Each structure stands twice: as C-alpha cells, then as structure tokens.
N, C-alpha and C. Protein backbone atom coordinates (compact mmCIF):
# COMPACT_ATOMS: atom_id res chain seq x y z
N MET A 1 -8.10 11.76 16.82
CA MET A 1 -7.52 11.87 16.16
C MET A 1 -5.64 12.30 16.59
N GLU A 2 -4.98 11.79 16.45
CA GLU A 2 -3.94 11.51 17.78
C GLU A 2 -2.71 12.35 16.28
N ILE A 3 -2.80 14.09 16.66
CA ILE A 3 -1.10 14.36 16.79
C ILE A 3 0.10 14.30 17.00
N GLU A 4 0.35 13.50 15.32
CA GLU A 4 1.91 13.38 15.86
C GLU A 4 3.07 13.86 15.51
N LYS A 5 4.19 13.75 15.70
CA LYS A 5 5.25 15.20 16.22
C LYS A 5 5.64 15.52 15.21
N ASP A 6 5.59 14.76 13.54
CA ASP A 6 5.94 15.15 12.69
C ASP A 6 4.54 15.64 11.64
N ASN A 7 3.88 15.90 12.29
CA ASN A 7 3.02 17.01 11.84
C ASN A 7 1.16 16.13 11.17
N LEU A 8 1.49 14.91 11.29
CA LEU A 8 0.71 13.60 10.89
C LEU A 8 -0.06 13.36 11.84
N ILE A 9 -1.36 12.65 10.91
CA ILE A 9 -2.70 12.20 12.01
C ILE A 9 -2.12 10.71 11.89
N ARG A 10 -2.14 10.24 13.40
CA ARG A 10 -2.23 8.61 13.08
C ARG A 10 -3.46 8.33 12.96
N LEU A 11 -4.26 7.45 12.40
CA LEU A 11 -5.44 7.19 11.95
C LEU A 11 -6.37 5.92 13.12
N THR A 12 -7.26 6.11 13.57
CA THR A 12 -7.90 4.67 14.53
C THR A 12 -9.27 4.77 13.58
N LYS A 13 -9.86 3.34 14.17
CA LYS A 13 -10.97 3.02 13.00
C LYS A 13 -12.17 3.64 13.21
N ASP A 14 -11.88 4.79 14.45
CA ASP A 14 -12.97 5.50 13.68
C ASP A 14 -13.03 6.92 12.74
N HIS A 15 -11.80 6.97 12.58
CA HIS A 15 -11.75 7.60 10.80
C HIS A 15 -11.81 6.92 9.39
N ILE A 16 -12.17 5.28 9.62
CA ILE A 16 -12.31 4.07 8.39
C ILE A 16 -12.47 4.77 7.44
N LYS A 17 -13.72 5.67 7.11
CA LYS A 17 -14.54 5.58 6.51
C LYS A 17 -14.60 7.50 5.71
N PRO A 18 -13.94 8.32 6.25
CA PRO A 18 -13.69 9.30 5.51
C PRO A 18 -12.22 9.18 5.08
N ALA A 19 -11.31 8.42 5.36
CA ALA A 19 -10.11 7.78 5.18
C ALA A 19 -10.44 6.76 3.70
N ALA A 20 -11.10 5.93 3.32
CA ALA A 20 -10.93 5.12 2.72
C ALA A 20 -11.82 6.04 1.22
N VAL A 21 -12.49 6.83 1.59
CA VAL A 21 -13.10 7.55 0.45
C VAL A 21 -11.88 8.33 -0.58
N THR A 22 -10.66 8.44 0.58
CA THR A 22 -9.51 9.14 -0.08
C THR A 22 -8.88 7.77 -1.02
N LEU A 23 -8.67 6.84 0.09
CA LEU A 23 -7.68 5.89 -0.74
C LEU A 23 -8.63 5.44 -2.18
N THR A 24 -10.31 5.11 -1.81
CA THR A 24 -10.87 5.59 -3.46
C THR A 24 -10.75 5.75 -4.26
N ASN A 25 -10.77 7.66 -4.34
CA ASN A 25 -10.10 8.76 -5.36
C ASN A 25 -8.91 8.37 -5.89
N ALA A 26 -8.42 7.83 -5.10
CA ALA A 26 -6.38 7.82 -5.22
C ALA A 26 -6.01 6.93 -6.28
N PHE A 27 -7.19 5.61 -5.95
CA PHE A 27 -7.19 3.93 -6.67
C PHE A 27 -7.75 3.59 -7.64
N ILE A 28 -8.95 4.24 -7.67
CA ILE A 28 -10.19 3.55 -8.85
C ILE A 28 -9.64 3.14 -10.35
N ASN A 29 -8.19 4.26 -10.61
CA ASN A 29 -7.54 3.60 -12.28
C ASN A 29 -6.84 2.77 -12.15
N TYR A 30 -5.74 2.78 -10.54
CA TYR A 30 -4.48 2.20 -10.69
C TYR A 30 -5.06 1.10 -11.09
N PRO A 31 -3.75 0.92 -12.27
CA PRO A 31 -3.20 -0.09 -12.95
C PRO A 31 -3.42 -1.79 -12.17
N VAL A 32 -3.45 -1.91 -10.66
CA VAL A 32 -3.43 -3.00 -9.92
C VAL A 32 -5.34 -3.26 -9.54
N SER A 33 -6.24 -2.50 -9.28
CA SER A 33 -7.32 -1.43 -9.77
C SER A 33 -8.29 -2.45 -10.74
N VAL A 34 -7.72 -2.11 -11.52
CA VAL A 34 -8.28 -2.60 -12.40
C VAL A 34 -8.61 -3.46 -13.28
N TYR A 35 -6.71 -4.39 -12.65
CA TYR A 35 -6.81 -5.87 -12.54
C TYR A 35 -7.26 -6.99 -11.92
N PHE A 36 -7.66 -6.21 -10.74
CA PHE A 36 -8.05 -6.84 -10.05
C PHE A 36 -9.59 -6.86 -10.55
N THR A 37 -10.50 -5.79 -11.52
CA THR A 37 -12.01 -5.58 -11.22
C THR A 37 -11.63 -4.62 -12.66
N PRO A 38 -12.17 -5.48 -14.01
CA PRO A 38 -11.92 -4.64 -14.93
C PRO A 38 -13.23 -3.67 -15.34
N ASP A 39 -14.36 -4.90 -15.00
CA ASP A 39 -15.38 -4.13 -15.18
C ASP A 39 -15.58 -3.20 -14.31
N GLU A 40 -15.52 -1.17 -15.07
CA GLU A 40 -15.67 0.29 -14.16
C GLU A 40 -16.95 0.17 -13.32
N ALA A 41 -17.49 -0.76 -13.60
CA ALA A 41 -19.51 0.07 -12.79
C ALA A 41 -19.30 -1.17 -12.25
N LYS A 42 -19.15 -1.87 -11.67
CA LYS A 42 -17.80 -2.91 -10.50
C LYS A 42 -16.85 -2.95 -9.53
N ARG A 43 -16.05 -2.09 -10.43
CA ARG A 43 -14.98 -1.90 -9.91
C ARG A 43 -15.16 -0.26 -9.24
N LYS A 44 -16.47 0.40 -9.28
CA LYS A 44 -16.71 1.69 -8.42
C LYS A 44 -17.73 1.23 -7.07
N LYS A 45 -18.35 -0.16 -7.39
CA LYS A 45 -18.62 -0.63 -6.55
C LYS A 45 -18.48 -0.84 -5.24
N LEU A 46 -16.83 -2.15 -5.56
CA LEU A 46 -16.27 -2.72 -4.69
C LEU A 46 -15.34 -2.18 -3.64
N GLN A 47 -14.48 -0.70 -5.00
CA GLN A 47 -13.68 0.05 -4.34
C GLN A 47 -13.61 1.03 -3.11
N PRO A 48 -14.66 0.88 -2.68
CA PRO A 48 -15.12 2.03 -1.43
C PRO A 48 -15.13 0.54 -0.16
N GLY A 49 -15.46 -0.52 -0.47
CA GLY A 49 -15.32 -1.19 1.00
C GLY A 49 -13.80 -2.27 0.17
N ILE A 50 -13.24 -2.16 -0.25
CA ILE A 50 -12.29 -2.94 -0.67
C ILE A 50 -11.05 -1.52 0.62
N SER A 51 -11.56 -0.79 0.08
CA SER A 51 -10.35 0.69 1.07
C SER A 51 -10.23 0.35 2.72
N ARG A 52 -11.81 0.43 3.26
CA ARG A 52 -12.94 0.54 4.29
C ARG A 52 -11.37 -0.91 5.12
N GLY A 53 -11.55 -1.98 3.69
CA GLY A 53 -10.76 -3.51 4.64
C GLY A 53 -9.31 -3.15 4.97
N ILE A 54 -9.37 -2.72 3.75
CA ILE A 54 -7.33 -2.58 3.83
C ILE A 54 -7.02 -2.06 5.19
N LEU A 55 -7.77 -0.67 5.43
CA LEU A 55 -7.69 0.55 6.71
C LEU A 55 -7.95 -0.07 7.29
N ARG A 56 -9.05 -1.01 8.01
CA ARG A 56 -9.54 -1.69 9.04
C ARG A 56 -8.67 -2.95 9.54
N ASN A 57 -8.35 -3.77 8.53
CA ASN A 57 -6.72 -4.31 8.93
C ASN A 57 -5.39 -3.50 8.99
N ALA A 58 -5.30 -2.36 8.18
CA ALA A 58 -3.79 -2.33 8.55
C ALA A 58 -3.60 -1.12 9.78
N ILE A 59 -4.61 -0.13 10.52
CA ILE A 59 -4.96 0.37 11.34
C ILE A 59 -5.46 -1.01 12.64
N GLY A 60 -5.72 -2.44 12.59
CA GLY A 60 -5.46 -3.05 13.73
C GLY A 60 -4.04 -4.03 13.80
N THR A 61 -2.82 -4.08 12.30
CA THR A 61 -1.70 -4.58 12.33
C THR A 61 -0.89 -4.30 11.96
N GLY A 62 -1.10 -2.37 11.75
CA GLY A 62 0.18 -1.51 11.72
C GLY A 62 0.11 -0.02 11.53
N GLU A 63 0.32 1.12 10.74
CA GLU A 63 0.52 2.37 11.01
C GLU A 63 -0.01 2.71 9.61
N VAL A 64 -1.32 3.61 10.27
CA VAL A 64 -1.51 4.70 8.87
C VAL A 64 -1.77 6.06 9.47
N TYR A 65 -1.25 6.73 8.72
CA TYR A 65 -1.15 8.20 8.50
C TYR A 65 -1.77 9.01 7.41
N THR A 66 -2.34 10.51 7.73
CA THR A 66 -2.48 10.97 7.38
C THR A 66 -2.81 12.05 7.65
N THR A 67 -2.44 13.45 6.13
CA THR A 67 -1.78 14.90 6.54
C THR A 67 -2.02 16.12 7.53
N SER A 68 -3.93 15.64 7.11
CA SER A 68 -4.85 16.47 8.21
C SER A 68 -6.35 15.74 8.21
N ALA A 69 -7.15 17.26 9.07
CA ALA A 69 -8.49 16.52 9.05
C ALA A 69 -9.05 16.16 8.00
N ARG A 70 -8.33 17.38 6.21
CA ARG A 70 -9.30 16.69 5.39
C ARG A 70 -8.65 15.61 4.75
N MET A 71 -7.48 15.09 4.87
CA MET A 71 -7.05 13.59 5.53
C MET A 71 -6.57 13.90 3.02
N GLU A 72 -5.67 14.46 2.61
CA GLU A 72 -5.62 14.23 1.61
C GLU A 72 -4.72 13.50 1.34
N GLY A 73 -4.37 12.68 1.92
CA GLY A 73 -3.50 12.09 1.49
C GLY A 73 -3.38 10.54 2.79
N ILE A 74 -3.45 9.93 2.40
CA ILE A 74 -3.25 8.35 2.94
C ILE A 74 -1.71 7.11 3.20
N ALA A 75 -1.56 7.65 4.36
CA ALA A 75 -0.18 6.04 4.15
C ALA A 75 -0.48 5.28 4.92
N VAL A 76 -0.06 3.71 4.22
CA VAL A 76 -0.64 2.87 5.60
C VAL A 76 0.70 1.76 5.15
N TRP A 77 0.86 1.60 6.47
CA TRP A 77 2.21 1.08 6.72
C TRP A 77 2.05 0.00 6.97
N MET A 78 3.06 -1.23 7.36
CA MET A 78 3.36 -2.61 8.24
C MET A 78 4.92 -2.77 8.30
N LEU A 79 4.53 -2.93 9.60
CA LEU A 79 6.02 -4.24 10.26
C LEU A 79 6.05 -4.85 9.61
N THR A 80 6.60 -6.08 9.07
CA THR A 80 6.86 -7.11 9.14
C THR A 80 7.44 -7.76 9.79
N GLN A 81 7.91 -8.63 10.53
CA GLN A 81 8.73 -8.87 11.48
C GLN A 81 9.43 -10.43 10.54
N ASN A 82 8.88 -11.25 10.65
CA ASN A 82 9.12 -12.08 9.88
C ASN A 82 8.63 -13.00 9.01
N GLN A 83 9.42 -14.36 8.08
CA GLN A 83 8.52 -14.79 7.33
C GLN A 83 6.43 -14.74 7.44
N PHE A 84 6.18 -15.27 8.55
CA PHE A 84 5.74 -16.13 9.27
C PHE A 84 4.63 -15.18 9.35
N ASN A 85 5.39 -14.18 9.88
CA ASN A 85 4.31 -12.76 10.07
C ASN A 85 3.69 -12.40 8.75
N ALA A 86 4.87 -12.26 7.66
CA ALA A 86 3.98 -11.69 6.40
C ALA A 86 2.96 -12.67 5.63
N LYS A 87 3.13 -14.13 5.95
CA LYS A 87 2.71 -15.04 5.55
C LYS A 87 0.84 -14.65 6.17
N LYS A 88 0.87 -14.30 7.13
CA LYS A 88 -0.31 -14.34 8.65
C LYS A 88 -1.14 -13.14 7.61
N GLN A 89 -0.13 -12.05 7.91
CA GLN A 89 -1.08 -10.48 6.99
C GLN A 89 -1.46 -11.03 5.92
N ARG A 90 -1.00 -11.72 4.78
CA ARG A 90 -1.36 -11.69 3.78
C ARG A 90 -2.78 -12.58 3.32
N THR A 91 -2.82 -13.64 4.23
CA THR A 91 -3.57 -14.96 4.83
C THR A 91 -5.17 -14.10 5.04
N SER A 92 -4.95 -12.78 5.76
CA SER A 92 -5.56 -12.76 6.48
C SER A 92 -6.58 -11.53 5.48
N LEU A 93 -5.68 -10.86 5.00
CA LEU A 93 -6.31 -10.06 3.84
C LEU A 93 -6.58 -10.24 2.31
N MET A 94 -5.88 -12.09 2.68
CA MET A 94 -6.82 -13.23 1.32
C MET A 94 -7.63 -13.56 1.81
N ALA A 95 -8.07 -13.52 3.09
CA ALA A 95 -9.83 -14.39 3.39
C ALA A 95 -10.58 -13.38 2.96
N TRP A 96 -10.03 -12.06 3.55
CA TRP A 96 -11.62 -11.27 3.06
C TRP A 96 -11.91 -10.78 2.22
N LEU A 97 -10.73 -11.50 0.79
CA LEU A 97 -11.05 -10.50 -0.02
C LEU A 97 -11.70 -11.95 -0.74
N LYS A 98 -11.84 -13.20 -1.03
CA LYS A 98 -12.42 -13.84 -1.22
C LYS A 98 -13.57 -14.03 -0.41
N ASN A 99 -13.85 -12.83 0.96
CA ASN A 99 -15.55 -13.16 0.18
C ASN A 99 -16.65 -11.97 0.09
N LEU A 100 -15.34 -11.07 -0.61
CA LEU A 100 -15.43 -9.58 -1.24
C LEU A 100 -15.72 -9.62 -2.66
N PHE A 101 -14.54 -10.67 -3.20
CA PHE A 101 -15.22 -10.61 -4.07
C PHE A 101 -15.21 -12.91 -4.68
N GLY A 102 -16.77 -12.93 -4.99
CA GLY A 102 -17.01 -14.52 -5.04
C GLY A 102 -17.07 -14.91 -6.51
N ASP A 103 -16.06 -14.10 -7.53
CA ASP A 103 -15.98 -14.99 -9.33
C ASP A 103 -14.56 -15.79 -8.57
N LYS A 104 -13.79 -16.67 -9.45
CA LYS A 104 -13.05 -17.43 -9.16
C LYS A 104 -11.69 -16.64 -9.79
N GLU A 105 -12.33 -15.96 -11.10
CA GLU A 105 -11.06 -15.17 -12.12
C GLU A 105 -10.95 -14.38 -11.01
N SER A 106 -11.20 -13.45 -10.56
CA SER A 106 -10.72 -12.58 -9.33
C SER A 106 -9.99 -12.88 -8.07
N GLN A 107 -10.01 -13.84 -7.33
CA GLN A 107 -9.64 -14.45 -6.62
C GLN A 107 -7.54 -15.13 -7.18
N ARG A 108 -8.02 -15.49 -8.30
CA ARG A 108 -7.53 -15.92 -8.98
C ARG A 108 -5.98 -14.67 -9.36
N ARG A 109 -6.21 -14.21 -9.85
CA ARG A 109 -5.90 -12.98 -9.75
C ARG A 109 -5.43 -12.06 -8.71
N HIS A 110 -6.03 -11.93 -7.32
CA HIS A 110 -5.36 -11.50 -5.85
C HIS A 110 -4.49 -12.68 -5.47
N LYS A 111 -4.22 -13.80 -5.70
CA LYS A 111 -3.71 -14.83 -5.92
C LYS A 111 -2.31 -14.69 -6.14
N ALA A 112 -2.72 -14.67 -7.49
CA ALA A 112 -1.35 -14.35 -8.34
C ALA A 112 -0.62 -13.70 -8.40
N PHE A 113 -1.07 -12.06 -7.42
CA PHE A 113 -0.58 -10.54 -7.53
C PHE A 113 0.53 -10.82 -5.78
N PHE A 114 -0.61 -11.69 -5.28
CA PHE A 114 0.18 -11.69 -3.86
C PHE A 114 1.06 -12.77 -3.36
N GLU A 115 1.12 -13.79 -4.44
CA GLU A 115 2.57 -14.51 -4.19
C GLU A 115 3.56 -13.86 -5.11
N TYR A 116 3.36 -13.49 -6.21
CA TYR A 116 4.77 -12.44 -6.75
C TYR A 116 5.17 -12.19 -5.70
N SER A 117 4.31 -11.08 -5.25
CA SER A 117 4.96 -10.34 -4.11
C SER A 117 5.64 -10.56 -2.97
N ASP A 118 5.21 -11.54 -2.37
CA ASP A 118 5.50 -12.70 -1.57
C ASP A 118 6.74 -12.97 -2.08
N SER A 119 7.50 -13.91 -2.72
CA SER A 119 8.33 -14.00 -3.78
C SER A 119 9.38 -13.15 -3.65
N ILE A 120 8.87 -12.04 -4.29
CA ILE A 120 10.22 -10.96 -3.89
C ILE A 120 10.46 -10.92 -2.88
N ARG A 121 9.58 -9.92 -1.71
CA ARG A 121 10.51 -10.04 -0.39
C ARG A 121 11.58 -10.76 0.32
N LYS A 122 11.23 -12.23 -0.07
CA LYS A 122 11.45 -13.27 0.53
C LYS A 122 12.69 -13.07 -0.28
N ARG A 123 13.26 -12.87 -1.52
CA ARG A 123 14.44 -13.08 -1.94
C ARG A 123 15.04 -11.93 -1.46
N VAL A 124 14.46 -10.51 -1.61
CA VAL A 124 15.78 -9.69 -0.98
C VAL A 124 15.60 -8.77 0.24
N LEU A 125 14.73 -9.26 0.61
CA LEU A 125 14.45 -8.29 2.41
C LEU A 125 14.49 -9.33 3.50
N PRO A 126 15.60 -9.05 4.52
CA PRO A 126 15.91 -9.87 5.86
C PRO A 126 14.42 -9.63 6.52
N ALA A 127 14.61 -9.92 7.58
CA ALA A 127 13.62 -10.61 8.16
C ALA A 127 12.37 -9.43 8.46
N LYS A 128 12.75 -7.95 9.03
CA LYS A 128 12.66 -7.34 9.58
C LYS A 128 12.41 -6.34 8.71
N TYR A 129 11.33 -5.98 8.41
CA TYR A 129 11.68 -4.39 7.71
C TYR A 129 10.11 -3.65 7.56
N TRP A 130 10.09 -2.58 6.43
CA TRP A 130 8.30 -1.95 6.88
C TRP A 130 8.36 -1.98 5.82
N TYR A 131 7.27 -2.22 5.18
CA TYR A 131 5.40 -1.93 3.60
C TYR A 131 5.30 -1.31 4.17
N LEU A 132 5.58 0.37 2.91
CA LEU A 132 4.55 0.82 2.28
C LEU A 132 3.64 0.03 1.58
N GLN A 133 2.98 0.04 2.10
CA GLN A 133 1.49 -0.70 1.33
C GLN A 133 0.75 -0.04 0.65
N MET A 134 0.48 1.30 0.75
CA MET A 134 -0.54 2.69 0.29
C MET A 134 -0.10 3.52 0.25
N LEU A 135 0.24 3.94 -0.68
CA LEU A 135 0.43 5.24 -0.22
C LEU A 135 -0.03 6.12 -1.39
N GLY A 136 -1.77 6.68 -1.28
CA GLY A 136 -2.61 7.26 -2.10
C GLY A 136 -3.04 8.70 -1.83
N VAL A 137 -2.81 9.77 -2.77
CA VAL A 137 -3.51 11.41 -2.31
C VAL A 137 -4.44 11.11 -3.07
N ASP A 138 -5.59 11.78 -2.59
CA ASP A 138 -6.57 12.32 -3.73
C ASP A 138 -5.99 13.68 -5.03
N PRO A 139 -6.58 13.17 -6.20
CA PRO A 139 -6.73 13.84 -7.01
C PRO A 139 -6.46 15.39 -7.33
N ALA A 140 -7.89 15.48 -6.52
CA ALA A 140 -7.63 17.08 -6.04
C ALA A 140 -6.36 17.40 -5.84
N TYR A 141 -5.86 16.74 -4.91
CA TYR A 141 -4.32 17.75 -4.27
C TYR A 141 -3.06 16.65 -4.48
N GLN A 142 -3.54 16.37 -5.76
CA GLN A 142 -1.86 15.99 -5.77
C GLN A 142 -1.07 16.77 -7.11
N GLY A 143 0.14 16.69 -6.56
CA GLY A 143 1.47 17.69 -6.53
C GLY A 143 1.22 18.25 -5.80
N GLN A 144 1.43 19.17 -4.84
CA GLN A 144 1.40 19.82 -3.48
C GLN A 144 2.53 19.83 -2.34
N GLY A 145 3.22 18.46 -2.73
CA GLY A 145 4.01 17.73 -2.08
C GLY A 145 3.64 16.99 -1.03
N PHE A 146 2.05 16.34 -0.70
CA PHE A 146 1.42 15.45 0.46
C PHE A 146 2.30 14.40 0.44
N SER A 147 2.65 13.92 -0.29
CA SER A 147 3.33 12.53 -1.12
C SER A 147 4.13 12.61 0.43
N SER A 148 5.06 13.94 -0.25
CA SER A 148 7.16 13.97 0.67
C SER A 148 6.76 13.58 2.03
N ARG A 149 5.32 14.64 2.50
CA ARG A 149 4.80 14.38 3.94
C ARG A 149 4.56 13.77 4.35
N LEU A 150 3.80 12.73 3.60
CA LEU A 150 3.90 11.07 4.58
C LEU A 150 4.73 10.82 4.54
N VAL A 151 5.58 10.03 3.74
CA VAL A 151 6.42 9.08 3.38
C VAL A 151 8.04 9.70 4.42
N LYS A 152 8.14 11.06 4.20
CA LYS A 152 9.62 11.37 4.41
C LYS A 152 9.35 10.59 6.81
N PRO A 153 9.38 10.76 6.85
CA PRO A 153 8.52 10.48 8.35
C PRO A 153 9.01 9.38 8.95
N MET A 154 8.43 8.42 8.58
CA MET A 154 8.78 6.60 8.88
C MET A 154 9.63 6.75 8.29
N LEU A 155 10.16 7.16 7.09
CA LEU A 155 11.69 6.85 6.03
C LEU A 155 12.54 6.94 7.28
N ALA A 156 12.49 8.79 7.88
CA ALA A 156 13.08 9.25 8.22
C ALA A 156 13.78 8.37 10.40
N ARG A 157 12.06 7.28 10.74
CA ARG A 157 11.97 6.36 11.98
C ARG A 157 12.85 5.22 11.41
N ALA A 158 12.37 4.78 9.87
CA ALA A 158 12.81 3.14 9.40
C ALA A 158 15.06 2.89 9.56
N LYS A 159 15.36 4.16 9.18
CA LYS A 159 16.88 4.88 9.57
C LYS A 159 17.07 4.97 10.90
N ARG A 160 16.46 4.99 12.15
CA ARG A 160 16.35 4.89 12.70
C ARG A 160 17.00 3.74 13.84
N GLU A 161 15.83 3.24 12.99
CA GLU A 161 15.42 1.56 13.51
C GLU A 161 16.20 0.82 13.14
N GLY A 162 17.47 1.62 12.08
CA GLY A 162 18.08 0.49 10.79
C GLY A 162 17.29 -1.29 9.70
N LEU A 163 16.58 -0.33 10.17
CA LEU A 163 15.27 -1.38 9.16
C LEU A 163 15.65 -0.36 7.31
N PRO A 164 15.35 -1.75 6.59
CA PRO A 164 14.71 -1.29 5.18
C PRO A 164 13.76 -0.98 4.62
N VAL A 165 12.82 -0.48 3.92
CA VAL A 165 11.63 -0.02 3.16
C VAL A 165 11.70 -0.53 2.35
N PHE A 166 10.77 -1.53 1.76
CA PHE A 166 9.72 -1.99 0.76
C PHE A 166 8.07 -1.12 -0.29
N LEU A 167 8.49 -1.38 -1.34
CA LEU A 167 7.30 -1.30 -1.56
C LEU A 167 6.98 -1.54 -3.32
N GLU A 168 5.92 -1.34 -3.23
CA GLU A 168 5.78 -2.18 -5.17
C GLU A 168 4.86 -1.27 -5.42
N THR A 169 5.31 -0.36 -7.05
CA THR A 169 3.89 0.58 -8.12
C THR A 169 4.38 -0.07 -8.74
N GLN A 170 2.50 -0.04 -9.36
CA GLN A 170 2.80 0.07 -11.09
C GLN A 170 2.27 1.14 -12.19
N LEU A 171 2.94 2.15 -11.34
CA LEU A 171 2.86 3.46 -12.27
C LEU A 171 4.59 3.34 -12.39
N GLN A 172 4.78 3.73 -13.78
CA GLN A 172 6.28 3.64 -13.63
C GLN A 172 6.53 5.71 -13.32
N LYS A 173 5.18 6.23 -13.43
CA LYS A 173 5.90 7.80 -13.12
C LYS A 173 6.17 8.52 -11.29
N ASN A 174 5.89 7.31 -11.32
CA ASN A 174 6.29 6.90 -9.27
C ASN A 174 7.65 6.92 -9.30
N VAL A 175 8.30 5.76 -10.23
CA VAL A 175 9.58 5.35 -10.16
C VAL A 175 10.14 6.50 -9.77
N ALA A 176 10.22 7.35 -10.04
CA ALA A 176 11.51 8.35 -9.76
C ALA A 176 10.74 9.27 -8.88
N LEU A 177 9.29 9.34 -8.79
CA LEU A 177 9.16 9.97 -7.27
C LEU A 177 10.08 9.20 -5.66
N TYR A 178 10.07 7.92 -6.15
CA TYR A 178 10.46 6.60 -4.77
C TYR A 178 11.67 6.90 -5.17
N GLN A 179 12.64 6.87 -6.11
CA GLN A 179 13.45 7.02 -6.56
C GLN A 179 14.03 8.53 -5.60
N HIS A 180 13.71 9.65 -5.84
CA HIS A 180 13.69 10.61 -5.27
C HIS A 180 14.79 10.31 -3.71
N PHE A 181 13.44 9.28 -3.10
CA PHE A 181 13.37 9.93 -1.61
C PHE A 181 14.45 8.09 -1.41
N GLY A 182 15.47 7.65 -2.35
CA GLY A 182 16.30 7.55 -1.77
C GLY A 182 16.27 5.86 -2.34
N PHE A 183 14.32 4.96 -2.66
CA PHE A 183 14.30 3.66 -3.24
C PHE A 183 15.21 3.11 -4.45
N LYS A 184 15.58 1.91 -5.00
CA LYS A 184 15.90 1.70 -5.71
C LYS A 184 14.93 0.06 -6.20
N VAL A 185 14.97 -0.07 -7.43
CA VAL A 185 14.42 -0.92 -8.00
C VAL A 185 15.03 -2.01 -7.83
N VAL A 186 14.69 -3.21 -7.42
CA VAL A 186 14.96 -4.73 -6.98
C VAL A 186 14.51 -5.26 -7.85
N GLU A 187 13.46 -5.02 -8.62
CA GLU A 187 13.31 -6.15 -9.43
C GLU A 187 12.00 -5.47 -10.21
N GLU A 188 11.41 -6.22 -11.29
CA GLU A 188 10.42 -5.60 -12.54
C GLU A 188 10.10 -6.04 -13.52
N GLY A 189 8.81 -6.30 -13.46
CA GLY A 189 8.49 -7.28 -14.55
C GLY A 189 6.95 -7.20 -14.16
N ASN A 190 6.30 -7.97 -14.81
CA ASN A 190 4.78 -8.07 -15.44
C ASN A 190 4.59 -9.13 -13.50
N ILE A 191 3.31 -8.64 -13.63
CA ILE A 191 2.76 -9.74 -12.29
C ILE A 191 2.70 -10.93 -13.55
N PRO A 192 2.37 -11.94 -13.04
CA PRO A 192 2.23 -13.32 -13.48
C PRO A 192 1.15 -13.45 -14.14
N GLY A 193 0.86 -13.59 -15.11
CA GLY A 193 -0.56 -13.70 -16.09
C GLY A 193 -1.60 -12.82 -16.01
N SER A 194 -1.39 -11.43 -16.32
CA SER A 194 -1.56 -10.10 -16.33
C SER A 194 -0.39 -9.41 -17.11
N ASN A 195 -0.70 -8.05 -17.38
CA ASN A 195 -0.16 -7.37 -18.92
C ASN A 195 0.41 -5.97 -17.68
N VAL A 196 -0.14 -6.40 -16.13
CA VAL A 196 0.43 -4.92 -15.32
C VAL A 196 1.46 -5.04 -15.34
N TYR A 197 2.48 -4.48 -15.15
CA TYR A 197 4.03 -3.98 -15.24
C TYR A 197 3.95 -3.15 -13.65
N SER A 198 4.63 -4.21 -13.09
CA SER A 198 5.18 -3.72 -11.70
C SER A 198 6.51 -3.65 -11.40
N TRP A 199 7.15 -2.65 -10.70
CA TRP A 199 8.57 -2.12 -9.70
C TRP A 199 8.39 -2.37 -8.68
N ALA A 200 9.19 -3.82 -7.95
CA ALA A 200 9.44 -3.72 -6.44
C ALA A 200 10.92 -2.91 -6.28
N MET A 201 10.49 -1.72 -5.00
CA MET A 201 11.73 -1.03 -4.82
C MET A 201 12.25 -1.16 -2.80
N VAL A 202 13.46 -0.52 -3.57
CA VAL A 202 13.86 -0.51 -1.51
C VAL A 202 14.56 0.19 -0.93
N LYS A 203 14.42 0.73 -0.04
CA LYS A 203 15.55 1.75 0.98
C LYS A 203 16.29 1.30 2.03
N GLU A 204 17.38 0.95 1.58
CA GLU A 204 17.79 0.19 2.75
C GLU A 204 18.50 1.60 3.73
N PRO A 205 18.39 1.07 5.20
CA PRO A 205 18.86 2.19 6.16
C PRO A 205 19.92 2.97 6.52
N LYS A 206 20.82 2.85 5.43
CA LYS A 206 22.24 3.05 5.56
C LYS A 206 21.77 3.90 4.38
C-alpha cells in the first residue's frame, strides 16, 4: 500500500478483496443496489463481485483511497477528461455488468441508470472534471469522520487543479453531508422507470 501525504492509502489491485468487503457492507442495502437486484438473497450473492469489479476498473483507470489498513471507508474517484472518455468508462463498466447480470431486466435497469447519469453530466459539467463514483464507509465505522477524511484531500486537489467535482447520491441524508463540503444540488428526481430518487451534486473549484 502507498501512504499518501494526506494520511490516506492509495489502493492497488493487490488490495481489491479486503476493500470489496468494505464497499459490500456499505452498499448492500443502498437504494440503487436494491433497485438493481431486488431479491435480497441474490443481492447478497452478487454484491461482493460487483464491488470487486468496480474496484478493479477504478484502480486501473482512476484513483481509489482508504483511511487505514483496516479500510474503514473507501473513496473511488474517476477523472473524466472529455465526453468520449466518459462514454468509454461507462461502456467498459456496462460490458462487465452485462456478463455478471444475465437477466434482461437487470441489464435494462443498469442501462437506464447510466444513461440518466450521463445525460446530467453532459448538461451541467465541462469536458474535464472529477467524479466521486463511490464513497462507502463500513456501518461499523459510520459517524466517526471517515467520510470527511476521504473527501477533503481530493476536494482540495480539485480546487488546486481548477476542476469541478461531480457525484450522485440516492440517500437524502447524504445531501446535507455533501452540502457541508460545498456541493450544490444541480438536478434531482427519480431515475427513469424506477421509484429511486437521485440527487446530482457539483462542487465548483472556486
């Protein structure tokens, strides 16, 4: 593991397995996870593999950080350089999810979510920005400041680079948390074809 100057650890592919445990615990009952896989037994079976796949993709094309060797929390960051880059990232992830989820209904839900997210980003963001794809803290460590430790260093970096930061959340309680960090809601509403409400938020570099 590489110790970063902000007291965070940047993950490598050798640490995917333990990091996936943290993300699985954090997102197993998250609204989008339930939307993608309503059946609880199936979701518990698939979620570890989903977490490993997301981490593998992000470590290869983005940056992933944790707070200590205990991996209390994980932050997944992607630098989007242009619309082609964003589409390439989504296409790669969609191809992997298609192999993981064999049924057409699950594939339809994933497609709807990613297309909805892409449409928002095209409207509200410039060509280059940071995307906080996932921020997950294990329930055993929530409420102890780990989210703040994971987010603040990258927000400071984005400010130095003059880049906005984009994220989405499907939990209303998270909106106030991100507003505390300087994010503003730029769009909100149900993901098309679902009853899952989503908030898209942006923090400008100024």
